[in-house]
Amino acid sequence: MAREVFHVAPAAEGKWSVDPEDARHTGEVFDHKDDAVRHAKDQAKAAHPGQIIVHGRDGRIQYENTYRQDPHRRKG
């Protein structure tokens, strides 16, 4: 079971987008970064498991969080 990953990243005109890493969904655009992060968290928490990756204005990753149980890697 792979986790669903949502990126919060800068968008045009000073807005913020929430883009799923898989192309099954189209992203949503928000006026404020806090609103985008809140939406991404809700989406990730609904996934089994889910993750958000939050980018800064410069596009670099600021932090990431995983919600629900993350699949464990197995040796071998």
N, C-alpha and C. Protein backbone atom coordinates (compact mmCIF):
# COMPACT_ATOMS: atom_id res chain seq x y z
N MET A 1 0.85 -1.17 0.00
CA MET A 1 0.00 0.00 0.00
C MET A 1 0.90 1.24 0.00
N ALA A 2 0.84 2.01 -1.05
CA ALA A 2 1.65 3.22 -1.16
C ALA A 2 0.91 4.39 -0.53
N ARG A 3 1.65 5.30 -0.01
CA ARG A 3 1.02 6.47 0.59
C ARG A 3 0.71 7.50 -0.48
N GLU A 4 -0.31 8.32 -0.23
CA GLU A 4 -0.64 9.42 -1.11
C GLU A 4 0.13 10.65 -0.62
N VAL A 5 0.77 11.33 -1.55
CA VAL A 5 1.62 12.47 -1.21
C VAL A 5 1.02 13.73 -1.82
N PHE A 6 0.92 14.79 -1.01
CA PHE A 6 0.38 16.07 -1.44
C PHE A 6 1.45 17.15 -1.23
N HIS A 7 1.74 17.91 -2.27
CA HIS A 7 2.72 18.98 -2.20
C HIS A 7 2.01 20.33 -2.05
N VAL A 8 2.47 21.12 -1.08
CA VAL A 8 2.03 22.51 -0.94
C VAL A 8 3.17 23.34 -1.51
N ALA A 9 2.87 24.08 -2.58
CA ALA A 9 3.92 24.80 -3.30
C ALA A 9 3.43 26.16 -3.77
N PRO A 10 4.35 27.10 -4.02
CA PRO A 10 3.94 28.41 -4.52
C PRO A 10 3.30 28.28 -5.91
N ALA A 11 2.30 29.11 -6.14
CA ALA A 11 1.61 29.15 -7.42
C ALA A 11 1.69 30.58 -7.98
N ALA A 12 1.08 30.81 -9.10
CA ALA A 12 1.11 32.13 -9.74
C ALA A 12 0.42 33.18 -8.88
N GLU A 13 0.84 34.40 -9.04
CA GLU A 13 0.22 35.57 -8.40
C GLU A 13 0.22 35.51 -6.87
N GLY A 14 1.27 34.91 -6.29
CA GLY A 14 1.39 34.88 -4.84
C GLY A 14 0.49 33.89 -4.15
N LYS A 15 -0.14 33.00 -4.87
CA LYS A 15 -1.04 32.02 -4.27
C LYS A 15 -0.28 30.72 -3.99
N TRP A 16 -0.98 29.77 -3.39
CA TRP A 16 -0.40 28.48 -3.01
C TRP A 16 -1.25 27.35 -3.55
N SER A 17 -0.59 26.30 -4.03
CA SER A 17 -1.33 25.17 -4.58
C SER A 17 -1.09 23.91 -3.75
N VAL A 18 -2.08 23.03 -3.77
CA VAL A 18 -1.97 21.70 -3.18
C VAL A 18 -2.09 20.74 -4.34
N ASP A 19 -1.00 20.06 -4.64
CA ASP A 19 -0.94 19.17 -5.80
C ASP A 19 -0.64 17.74 -5.36
N PRO A 20 -1.53 16.81 -5.69
CA PRO A 20 -1.22 15.41 -5.40
C PRO A 20 -0.09 14.92 -6.29
N GLU A 21 0.75 14.06 -5.75
CA GLU A 21 1.89 13.57 -6.51
C GLU A 21 1.44 12.65 -7.65
N ASP A 22 0.36 11.91 -7.44
CA ASP A 22 -0.17 11.10 -8.53
C ASP A 22 -1.08 12.00 -9.37
N ALA A 23 -1.19 11.77 -10.60
CA ALA A 23 -1.94 12.67 -11.49
C ALA A 23 -3.43 12.34 -11.55
N ARG A 24 -3.95 11.59 -10.58
CA ARG A 24 -5.38 11.24 -10.60
C ARG A 24 -6.27 12.42 -10.25
N HIS A 25 -5.75 13.38 -9.52
CA HIS A 25 -6.55 14.54 -9.10
C HIS A 25 -5.89 15.83 -9.60
N THR A 26 -6.70 16.84 -9.78
CA THR A 26 -6.13 18.15 -10.11
C THR A 26 -5.91 18.90 -8.80
N GLY A 27 -4.91 19.76 -8.78
CA GLY A 27 -4.59 20.50 -7.58
C GLY A 27 -5.56 21.64 -7.34
N GLU A 28 -5.56 22.14 -6.11
CA GLU A 28 -6.39 23.29 -5.75
C GLU A 28 -5.48 24.45 -5.39
N VAL A 29 -5.97 25.67 -5.59
CA VAL A 29 -5.18 26.88 -5.34
C VAL A 29 -5.83 27.68 -4.22
N PHE A 30 -4.98 28.22 -3.32
CA PHE A 30 -5.43 28.97 -2.16
C PHE A 30 -4.72 30.31 -2.10
N ASP A 31 -5.37 31.29 -1.49
CA ASP A 31 -4.78 32.62 -1.34
C ASP A 31 -3.66 32.64 -0.29
N HIS A 32 -3.78 31.80 0.73
CA HIS A 32 -2.84 31.82 1.85
C HIS A 32 -2.22 30.44 2.05
N LYS A 33 -0.95 30.42 2.41
CA LYS A 33 -0.23 29.17 2.62
C LYS A 33 -0.85 28.36 3.74
N ASP A 34 -1.28 29.00 4.83
CA ASP A 34 -1.89 28.28 5.94
C ASP A 34 -3.13 27.51 5.50
N ASP A 35 -3.93 28.11 4.64
CA ASP A 35 -5.13 27.44 4.13
C ASP A 35 -4.75 26.23 3.27
N ALA A 36 -3.72 26.38 2.47
CA ALA A 36 -3.25 25.28 1.62
C ALA A 36 -2.72 24.13 2.47
N VAL A 37 -1.95 24.45 3.51
CA VAL A 37 -1.40 23.41 4.39
C VAL A 37 -2.54 22.70 5.12
N ARG A 38 -3.52 23.44 5.60
CA ARG A 38 -4.67 22.84 6.29
C ARG A 38 -5.41 21.87 5.36
N HIS A 39 -5.62 22.28 4.13
CA HIS A 39 -6.31 21.44 3.15
C HIS A 39 -5.47 20.18 2.85
N ALA A 40 -4.18 20.35 2.66
CA ALA A 40 -3.29 19.21 2.39
C ALA A 40 -3.31 18.22 3.55
N LYS A 41 -3.30 18.73 4.79
CA LYS A 41 -3.35 17.86 5.96
C LYS A 41 -4.65 17.06 5.98
N ASP A 42 -5.76 17.71 5.68
CA ASP A 42 -7.05 17.01 5.65
C ASP A 42 -7.03 15.90 4.60
N GLN A 43 -6.47 16.19 3.43
CA GLN A 43 -6.38 15.20 2.37
C GLN A 43 -5.48 14.04 2.78
N ALA A 44 -4.35 14.34 3.38
CA ALA A 44 -3.40 13.31 3.78
C ALA A 44 -3.96 12.45 4.91
N LYS A 45 -4.68 13.05 5.84
CA LYS A 45 -5.27 12.29 6.94
C LYS A 45 -6.37 11.35 6.44
N ALA A 46 -7.04 11.72 5.37
CA ALA A 46 -8.08 10.88 4.80
C ALA A 46 -7.50 9.71 4.00
N ALA A 47 -6.25 9.85 3.57
CA ALA A 47 -5.58 8.78 2.82
C ALA A 47 -5.07 7.73 3.80
N HIS A 48 -4.74 6.57 3.29
CA HIS A 48 -4.28 5.48 4.15
C HIS A 48 -2.99 4.90 3.62
N PRO A 49 -1.82 5.30 3.99
CA PRO A 49 -1.45 6.52 4.72
C PRO A 49 -1.29 7.70 3.76
N GLY A 50 -1.07 8.88 4.31
CA GLY A 50 -0.88 10.09 3.51
C GLY A 50 0.29 10.91 4.00
N GLN A 51 0.80 11.77 3.14
CA GLN A 51 1.96 12.60 3.49
C GLN A 51 1.80 13.96 2.84
N ILE A 52 2.24 15.01 3.55
CA ILE A 52 2.33 16.34 2.94
C ILE A 52 3.80 16.73 2.88
N ILE A 53 4.14 17.43 1.80
CA ILE A 53 5.47 18.01 1.64
C ILE A 53 5.25 19.49 1.38
N VAL A 54 5.74 20.33 2.28
CA VAL A 54 5.50 21.77 2.21
C VAL A 54 6.76 22.46 1.70
N HIS A 55 6.59 23.23 0.65
CA HIS A 55 7.68 23.97 0.02
C HIS A 55 7.59 25.44 0.41
N GLY A 56 8.73 26.12 0.38
CA GLY A 56 8.76 27.56 0.63
C GLY A 56 8.61 28.32 -0.67
N ARG A 57 8.61 29.65 -0.61
CA ARG A 57 8.50 30.49 -1.81
C ARG A 57 9.60 30.19 -2.82
N ASP A 58 10.76 29.75 -2.33
CA ASP A 58 11.88 29.45 -3.22
C ASP A 58 11.78 28.05 -3.83
N GLY A 59 10.73 27.30 -3.48
CA GLY A 59 10.51 25.97 -4.02
C GLY A 59 11.19 24.86 -3.24
N ARG A 60 12.04 25.21 -2.28
CA ARG A 60 12.75 24.20 -1.49
C ARG A 60 11.82 23.62 -0.43
N ILE A 61 12.01 22.36 -0.10
CA ILE A 61 11.19 21.71 0.92
C ILE A 61 11.50 22.30 2.28
N GLN A 62 10.44 22.71 2.99
CA GLN A 62 10.59 23.23 4.35
C GLN A 62 10.39 22.12 5.38
N TYR A 63 9.37 21.31 5.18
CA TYR A 63 9.13 20.17 6.07
C TYR A 63 8.14 19.20 5.43
N GLU A 64 8.04 18.03 6.03
CA GLU A 64 7.08 17.04 5.58
C GLU A 64 6.54 16.28 6.77
N ASN A 65 5.30 15.81 6.64
CA ASN A 65 4.66 15.04 7.70
C ASN A 65 3.93 13.86 7.07
N THR A 66 3.96 12.72 7.76
CA THR A 66 3.21 11.55 7.33
C THR A 66 2.10 11.31 8.34
N TYR A 67 0.92 10.97 7.83
CA TYR A 67 -0.25 10.74 8.67
C TYR A 67 -0.70 9.30 8.51
N ARG A 68 -1.14 8.72 9.58
CA ARG A 68 -1.50 7.30 9.68
C ARG A 68 -0.23 6.48 9.61
N GLN A 69 -0.38 5.19 9.67
CA GLN A 69 0.80 4.33 9.73
C GLN A 69 1.52 4.30 8.38
N ASP A 70 2.81 4.59 8.43
CA ASP A 70 3.64 4.56 7.24
C ASP A 70 4.08 3.12 7.00
N PRO A 71 4.03 2.64 5.76
CA PRO A 71 4.49 1.28 5.51
C PRO A 71 5.96 1.10 5.93
N HIS A 72 6.24 0.01 6.59
CA HIS A 72 7.61 -0.24 7.06
C HIS A 72 8.43 -0.88 5.95
N ARG A 73 9.67 -0.49 5.87
CA ARG A 73 10.59 -1.14 4.94
C ARG A 73 11.05 -2.44 5.56
N ARG A 74 11.19 -3.43 4.74
CA ARG A 74 11.66 -4.72 5.22
C ARG A 74 13.04 -4.99 4.68
N LYS A 75 13.87 -5.58 5.52
CA LYS A 75 15.22 -5.95 5.07
C LYS A 75 15.12 -7.12 4.11
N GLY A 76 16.06 -7.13 3.15
CA GLY A 76 16.11 -8.28 2.28
C GLY A 76 15.97 -8.01 0.89
